[in-house]
Amino acid sequence: CLYLQQESSVYHQIWNFVGENRQVCPLRLAAKFKVKRVREDSEQSEGIRGNVIWIPSWSEGEVSWEEVAASYADILCEPIQAVPVSVPAPASQAADLSLIELFAEASIDGNIVRFPRKLDAADYRRVDAALIALGGSWNRKVTGHVFEQDPTDLIESVIETGTYERPERAENFGFFPTPAALAKLLVQEAQLAPGMTVLEPSAGIGNIAIEAAAIVGAENVLTVELQACNVDVLKGLGFSPVQSDFLTYQPEGKVDRILMNPPFARQADIDHVLHAWSMIKKGGRLVAIMAASVTFRNNAKSVAFRNLVTSHGRLWDNPDGSFKSVGTQVRTVTVVLDK
């Protein structure tokens, strides 16, 4: 198989070579596209038109996977990555909640990670194993684990995602596309009605926007997205996206509902939700997916946000594995805020 992947996107196209007639069959397409095959005797060209991807088919001969990958990588703005079927990539290590809470206590001084209190033997062994897996090593002289570079992003990724990986395998933990089940949940909790104005910040390829548009109409759904490739996808789905960093965006007027799955890195989800909160009409509602760490981190930012939730809404844990379909075991919560 060839996996064509785009960073910070839910494009995970798996192409397979199956059946007696040697036809190309898409096994999974996470984006909201219809997939159709171009007949060999047809004059129709391959590519993307609207929200339909036209793919080639062969009745005989061998399939050149490199040719297929190159063709669609250009269309989808995606790098080509070949993943050997026989040698799966090693899975990331899962960190249980108590280990995540320990990492939340860590202090970082340059490239050294330390803990403010003495850990018991069992906790130390678990922390030491995780830090070594991330590329650190214990140094008695500085009484901490030393990394070759600033380990802030690595430590934050453990806290925000609940997994830890070696640096050579670490990915961008800032953004996780919204799985279909959670997108439907957000729309359900938002209690949408026809004609309401809805905003999806950092919309990606519009998984949430599509669900909202089915109720309020695409013309009433505002989308904001920074990446040009995703902006093109949103346009193809019938939206009129604003290409912008959401934290610098201001709508022309306040909206009835905001549905969002913001980036998590370095607690950016709190920044995004607070910025969105200022855009809600009185009587409006905001529904967001956030990193589970917002429920237990004790820094001022997290405590203040929990106070906002206590005053204006509620939150609950999403089921374990909610983001497994998009390639991560990140632990998340759903937050509902009413203005």
Protein backbone atom coordinates (compact mmCIF):
# COMPACT_ATOMS: atom_id res chain seq x y z
CA CYS A 1 0.00 0.00 0.00
CA LEU A 2 0.98 3.61 -0.40
CA TYR A 3 -0.09 6.05 2.27
CA LEU A 4 -0.41 9.66 1.10
CA GLN A 5 -0.46 11.87 4.17
CA GLN A 6 -0.60 15.61 4.76
CA GLU A 7 0.66 17.08 8.04
CA SER A 8 -2.17 18.45 10.21
CA SER A 9 -4.80 16.91 7.98
CA VAL A 10 -7.14 13.96 7.89
CA TYR A 11 -6.07 12.86 4.42
CA HIS A 12 -5.14 9.23 4.95
CA GLN A 13 -5.69 7.65 1.53
CA ILE A 14 -5.03 3.97 1.34
CA TRP A 15 -4.86 2.58 -2.14
CA ASN A 16 -4.89 -1.18 -2.60
CA PHE A 17 -4.43 -3.58 -5.45
CA VAL A 18 -7.25 -6.15 -5.22
CA GLY A 19 -9.42 -8.57 -7.16
CA GLU A 20 -9.00 -10.66 -10.28
CA ASN A 21 -9.23 -7.64 -12.59
CA ARG A 22 -6.39 -5.79 -10.87
CA GLN A 23 -8.40 -2.66 -10.15
CA VAL A 24 -7.40 0.20 -7.90
CA CYS A 25 -9.78 0.43 -4.98
CA PRO A 26 -9.73 3.11 -2.25
CA LEU A 27 -10.14 1.27 1.05
CA ARG A 28 -10.47 4.36 3.19
CA LEU A 29 -10.82 8.06 2.51
CA ALA A 30 -11.28 10.06 5.70
CA ALA A 31 -12.06 13.36 3.99
CA LYS A 32 -15.63 14.04 2.90
CA PHE A 33 -15.09 13.14 -0.76
CA LYS A 34 -16.95 10.84 -3.07
CA VAL A 35 -14.67 8.49 -4.99
CA LYS A 36 -15.44 7.33 -8.54
CA ARG A 37 -13.42 5.33 -11.08
CA VAL A 38 -12.71 6.57 -14.59
CA ARG A 39 -13.55 3.85 -17.12
CA GLU A 40 -10.70 2.87 -19.41
CA ASP A 41 -12.76 3.70 -22.51
CA SER A 42 -13.91 7.06 -21.11
CA GLU A 43 -12.61 10.45 -22.23
CA GLN A 44 -13.06 11.83 -18.71
CA SER A 45 -9.85 12.90 -16.98
CA GLU A 46 -8.61 11.93 -13.55
CA GLY A 47 -8.39 14.35 -10.61
CA ILE A 48 -10.60 16.32 -8.23
CA ARG A 49 -13.72 18.11 -9.42
CA GLY A 50 -15.85 19.58 -6.64
CA ASN A 51 -15.96 16.98 -3.90
CA VAL A 52 -15.47 14.01 -6.25
CA ILE A 53 -12.09 12.33 -6.70
CA TRP A 54 -11.86 10.48 -10.01
CA ILE A 55 -9.32 7.66 -9.86
CA PRO A 56 -7.95 5.44 -12.64
CA SER A 57 -8.73 1.76 -13.11
CA TRP A 58 -6.96 -1.01 -14.98
CA SER A 59 -8.39 -4.22 -16.38
CA GLU A 60 -5.02 -5.78 -17.07
CA GLY A 61 -1.32 -5.26 -16.49
CA GLU A 62 0.64 -4.10 -13.48
CA VAL A 63 -0.12 -1.04 -11.37
CA SER A 64 2.68 1.52 -10.86
CA TRP A 65 2.12 2.69 -7.31
CA GLU A 66 4.76 5.40 -7.65
CA GLU A 67 2.86 6.85 -10.62
CA VAL A 68 -0.44 6.82 -8.71
CA ALA A 69 1.17 8.45 -5.69
CA ALA A 70 2.87 11.20 -7.70
CA SER A 71 -0.35 11.97 -9.56
CA TYR A 72 -2.47 12.51 -6.47
CA ALA A 73 0.22 14.01 -4.25
CA ASP A 74 0.30 17.06 -6.52
CA ILE A 75 -3.49 17.36 -6.49
CA LEU A 76 -3.79 17.06 -2.72
CA CYS A 77 -0.69 19.09 -1.81
CA GLU A 78 0.68 16.07 0.01
CA PRO A 79 4.16 14.57 0.33
CA ILE A 80 4.60 11.00 -0.85
CA GLN A 81 5.36 8.43 1.81
CA ALA A 82 5.74 4.76 1.12
CA VAL A 83 4.93 2.55 4.12
CA PRO A 84 6.06 -1.09 3.78
CA VAL A 85 3.16 -3.39 4.55
CA SER A 86 5.38 -6.07 6.04
CA VAL A 87 7.16 -3.72 8.48
CA PRO A 88 4.64 -1.65 10.42
CA ALA A 89 5.90 1.46 12.22
CA PRO A 90 6.37 0.89 15.96
CA ALA A 91 3.51 2.13 18.09
CA SER A 92 4.02 5.02 20.46
CA GLN A 93 4.11 4.27 24.17
CA ALA A 94 0.96 5.05 26.14
CA ALA A 95 1.31 7.10 29.32
CA ASP A 96 -1.30 6.46 32.01
CA LEU A 97 -2.97 9.39 33.74
CA SER A 98 -0.71 9.32 36.80
CA LEU A 99 2.39 9.56 34.59
CA ILE A 100 0.85 12.46 32.66
CA GLU A 101 0.18 14.24 35.96
CA LEU A 102 3.80 13.71 36.99
CA PHE A 103 5.01 15.22 33.72
CA ALA A 104 2.75 18.21 34.36
CA GLU A 105 4.90 18.93 37.46
CA ALA A 106 8.15 18.93 35.50
CA SER A 107 10.26 22.07 35.22
CA ILE A 108 12.47 22.73 32.21
CA ASP A 109 15.71 24.69 32.50
CA GLY A 110 17.30 24.98 29.08
CA ASN A 111 17.75 21.38 27.98
CA ILE A 112 17.35 19.88 31.48
CA VAL A 113 14.14 18.37 32.87
CA ARG A 114 13.73 18.29 36.65
CA PHE A 115 10.93 17.53 39.10
CA PRO A 116 10.23 19.83 42.07
CA ARG A 117 9.71 17.02 44.55
CA LYS A 118 11.42 13.73 45.28
CA LEU A 119 9.61 10.92 43.50
CA ASP A 120 9.11 7.53 45.08
CA ALA A 121 10.99 4.63 43.51
CA ALA A 122 8.10 3.35 41.39
CA ASP A 123 7.23 6.78 40.00
CA TYR A 124 10.88 7.56 39.30
CA ARG A 125 11.35 4.35 37.30
CA ARG A 126 8.35 5.21 35.12
CA VAL A 127 9.42 8.83 34.62
CA ASP A 128 13.01 7.78 33.89
CA ALA A 129 11.88 5.23 31.28
CA ALA A 130 9.69 7.80 29.54
CA LEU A 131 12.38 10.49 29.52
CA ILE A 132 14.94 8.04 28.15
CA ALA A 133 12.47 7.02 25.42
CA LEU A 134 12.18 10.71 24.53
CA GLY A 135 15.95 11.01 24.16
CA GLY A 136 17.01 12.26 27.60
CA SER A 137 19.59 10.81 29.98
CA TRP A 138 20.00 11.17 33.75
CA ASN A 139 22.86 13.41 34.86
CA ARG A 140 23.63 13.23 38.58
CA LYS A 141 25.72 16.40 38.50
CA VAL A 142 22.79 18.58 37.35
CA THR A 143 20.18 16.39 39.12
CA GLY A 144 18.03 16.12 36.05
CA HIS A 145 17.55 14.48 32.66
CA VAL A 146 19.60 16.16 29.95
CA PHE A 147 18.46 16.43 26.32
CA GLU A 148 20.45 17.48 23.25
CA GLN A 149 17.90 20.24 22.53
CA ASP A 150 15.13 22.11 24.32
CA PRO A 151 12.71 19.31 25.36
CA THR A 152 9.70 21.59 25.96
CA ASP A 153 7.71 20.34 22.98
CA LEU A 154 8.45 16.71 23.85
CA ILE A 155 7.30 17.14 27.46
CA GLU A 156 4.21 19.07 26.36
CA SER A 157 3.35 16.33 23.88
CA VAL A 158 3.28 13.75 26.69
CA ILE A 159 1.01 15.96 28.79
CA GLU A 160 -1.33 16.85 25.94
CA THR A 161 -1.52 13.53 24.10
CA GLY A 162 -0.86 10.86 26.70
CA THR A 163 1.79 9.22 24.51
CA TYR A 164 5.54 9.50 24.21
CA GLU A 165 7.71 8.76 21.21
CA ARG A 166 11.36 8.94 20.33
CA PRO A 167 12.32 12.27 18.73
CA GLU A 168 12.95 10.69 15.32
CA ARG A 169 9.32 9.52 15.29
CA ALA A 170 7.73 12.51 16.96
CA GLU A 171 5.02 14.16 14.88
CA ASN A 172 3.27 17.51 15.01
CA PHE A 173 1.05 17.23 18.07
CA GLY A 174 -0.49 20.64 17.48
CA PHE A 175 -3.49 19.51 15.48
CA PHE A 176 -5.63 16.37 15.29
CA PRO A 177 -8.40 16.14 12.68
CA THR A 178 -11.87 15.62 14.11
CA PRO A 179 -13.13 12.02 13.79
CA ALA A 180 -16.65 11.70 12.39
CA ALA A 181 -18.15 10.44 15.65
CA LEU A 182 -16.88 13.44 17.61
CA ALA A 183 -17.95 15.87 14.89
CA LYS A 184 -21.49 14.52 15.18
CA LEU A 185 -21.32 14.78 18.98
CA LEU A 186 -20.29 18.43 18.82
CA VAL A 187 -23.18 19.25 16.49
CA GLN A 188 -25.59 17.39 18.76
CA GLU A 189 -24.39 19.27 21.85
CA ALA A 190 -24.58 22.60 20.01
CA GLN A 191 -28.35 22.21 19.55
CA LEU A 192 -28.30 23.80 16.11
CA ALA A 193 -31.38 25.10 14.33
CA PRO A 194 -31.84 26.14 10.68
CA GLY A 195 -30.64 29.67 10.02
CA MET A 196 -28.20 29.89 12.93
CA THR A 197 -24.74 31.29 12.21
CA VAL A 198 -22.00 28.78 13.04
CA LEU A 199 -18.22 29.27 13.15
CA GLU A 200 -15.62 26.52 12.90
CA PRO A 201 -12.15 27.92 13.70
CA SER A 202 -9.05 26.07 12.46
CA ALA A 203 -11.47 24.16 10.26
CA GLY A 204 -8.98 21.83 8.57
CA ILE A 205 -10.91 19.99 5.88
CA GLY A 206 -14.25 20.82 7.45
CA ASN A 207 -15.31 17.64 9.23
CA ILE A 208 -17.29 19.67 11.78
CA ALA A 209 -18.45 22.29 9.27
CA ILE A 210 -19.98 19.62 7.04
CA GLU A 211 -22.07 18.23 9.90
CA ALA A 212 -23.20 21.74 10.88
CA ALA A 213 -24.04 22.70 7.30
CA ALA A 214 -26.44 19.77 7.05
CA ILE A 215 -28.63 21.60 9.60
CA VAL A 216 -28.02 25.34 9.15
CA GLY A 217 -26.91 25.43 5.50
CA ALA A 218 -23.38 25.94 4.16
CA GLU A 219 -24.04 29.66 3.64
CA ASN A 220 -24.45 30.04 7.42
CA VAL A 221 -21.22 28.24 8.34
CA LEU A 222 -18.11 30.41 8.70
CA THR A 223 -14.77 28.63 8.44
CA VAL A 224 -11.30 29.89 9.28
CA GLU A 225 -8.24 27.91 8.18
CA LEU A 226 -4.57 28.80 7.80
CA GLN A 227 -3.26 26.08 5.46
CA ALA A 228 -3.77 26.82 1.77
CA CYS A 229 -4.39 23.17 0.85
CA ASN A 230 -7.18 22.91 3.40
CA VAL A 231 -8.65 26.22 2.26
CA ASP A 232 -8.96 24.77 -1.25
CA VAL A 233 -10.70 21.70 0.12
CA LEU A 234 -13.18 23.83 2.07
CA LYS A 235 -13.96 25.81 -1.08
CA GLY A 236 -14.56 22.56 -2.95
CA LEU A 237 -17.04 21.55 -0.26
CA GLY A 238 -19.08 24.71 -0.80
CA PHE A 239 -17.76 26.90 2.02
CA SER A 240 -16.20 30.37 1.80
CA PRO A 241 -13.23 30.02 4.16
CA VAL A 242 -11.14 32.87 5.52
CA GLN A 243 -7.44 32.01 5.27
CA SER A 244 -6.04 33.24 8.56
CA ASP A 245 -4.48 32.32 11.87
CA PHE A 246 -7.58 32.09 14.05
CA LEU A 247 -5.95 33.97 16.93
CA THR A 248 -5.74 37.08 14.69
CA TYR A 249 -9.22 36.65 13.21
CA GLN A 250 -12.25 38.79 14.06
CA PRO A 251 -15.66 38.11 12.47
CA GLU A 252 -17.85 40.96 11.23
CA GLY A 253 -20.41 40.15 13.91
CA LYS A 254 -21.00 37.71 16.74
CA VAL A 255 -22.26 34.21 15.95
CA ASP A 256 -24.86 31.87 17.45
CA ARG A 257 -22.64 28.81 17.79
CA ILE A 258 -18.97 27.93 17.67
CA LEU A 259 -17.87 24.32 17.16
CA MET A 260 -14.16 23.71 17.38
CA ASN A 261 -11.29 21.26 17.65
CA PRO A 262 -8.35 23.63 18.24
CA PRO A 263 -4.63 22.76 18.21
CA PHE A 264 -3.38 21.42 21.56
CA ALA A 265 0.36 22.22 21.56
CA ARG A 266 1.53 24.24 24.58
CA GLN A 267 -2.07 24.67 25.71
CA ALA A 268 -3.01 26.52 22.52
CA ASP A 269 -6.47 24.99 22.88
CA ILE A 270 -7.16 27.29 25.85
CA ASP A 271 -6.02 30.34 23.87
CA HIS A 272 -8.25 29.40 20.93
CA VAL A 273 -11.32 28.70 23.06
CA LEU A 274 -10.96 31.97 24.98
CA HIS A 275 -10.59 33.90 21.72
CA ALA A 276 -13.67 32.15 20.32
CA TRP A 277 -15.63 32.85 23.51
CA SER A 278 -15.49 36.58 22.74
CA MET A 279 -17.30 35.97 19.43
CA ILE A 280 -20.43 34.30 20.81
CA LYS A 281 -23.76 36.14 20.98
CA LYS A 282 -25.56 36.40 24.29
CA GLY A 283 -27.55 33.18 24.57
CA GLY A 284 -25.10 31.42 22.26
CA ARG A 285 -23.11 28.26 22.85
CA LEU A 286 -19.54 27.12 22.28
CA VAL A 287 -18.68 23.42 22.04
CA ALA A 288 -15.02 22.41 21.87
CA ILE A 289 -12.78 19.37 21.96
CA MET A 290 -9.79 20.04 24.21
CA ALA A 291 -6.80 18.19 25.63
CA ALA A 292 -7.64 16.28 28.80
CA SER A 293 -4.77 17.99 30.60
CA VAL A 294 -6.95 21.07 31.06
CA THR A 295 -8.71 19.12 33.83
CA PHE A 296 -5.63 18.56 36.01
CA ARG A 297 -2.83 21.00 35.18
CA ASN A 298 -2.35 23.46 38.02
CA ASN A 299 -0.79 26.41 36.21
CA ALA A 300 -2.67 29.72 36.32
CA LYS A 301 -3.92 29.33 32.76
CA SER A 302 -5.56 25.96 33.42
CA VAL A 303 -7.05 26.99 36.77
CA ALA A 304 -8.58 30.14 35.28
CA PHE A 305 -10.07 28.14 32.44
CA ARG A 306 -11.61 25.59 34.80
CA ASN A 307 -13.19 28.49 36.69
CA LEU A 308 -14.73 29.70 33.42
CA VAL A 309 -16.16 26.24 32.80
CA THR A 310 -17.59 26.12 36.32
CA SER A 311 -19.29 29.48 35.78
CA HIS A 312 -20.59 28.95 32.25
CA GLY A 313 -20.79 25.29 31.38
CA ARG A 314 -19.51 21.79 31.85
CA LEU A 315 -16.99 19.30 30.50
CA TRP A 316 -16.59 15.53 30.32
CA ASP A 317 -14.05 12.96 29.15
CA ASN A 318 -14.32 11.61 25.64
CA PRO A 319 -14.00 7.82 25.31
CA ASP A 320 -10.49 6.36 25.14
CA GLY A 321 -9.45 5.87 21.54
CA SER A 322 -11.72 8.63 20.22
CA PHE A 323 -8.90 9.85 17.95
CA LYS A 324 -7.52 6.43 17.03
CA SER A 325 -9.02 6.65 13.53
CA VAL A 326 -6.82 9.67 12.76
CA GLY A 327 -3.63 8.12 14.11
CA THR A 328 -3.30 9.18 17.74
CA GLN A 329 -4.34 8.06 21.22
CA VAL A 330 -4.61 11.64 22.47
CA ARG A 331 -6.89 11.96 25.51
CA THR A 332 -9.54 14.63 25.12
CA VAL A 333 -12.54 16.22 26.78
CA THR A 334 -15.61 17.94 25.38
CA VAL A 335 -16.31 21.42 26.76
CA VAL A 336 -19.66 23.22 26.52
CA LEU A 337 -19.86 26.93 27.39
CA ASP A 338 -23.11 28.94 27.39
CA LYS A 339 -23.05 32.75 27.26
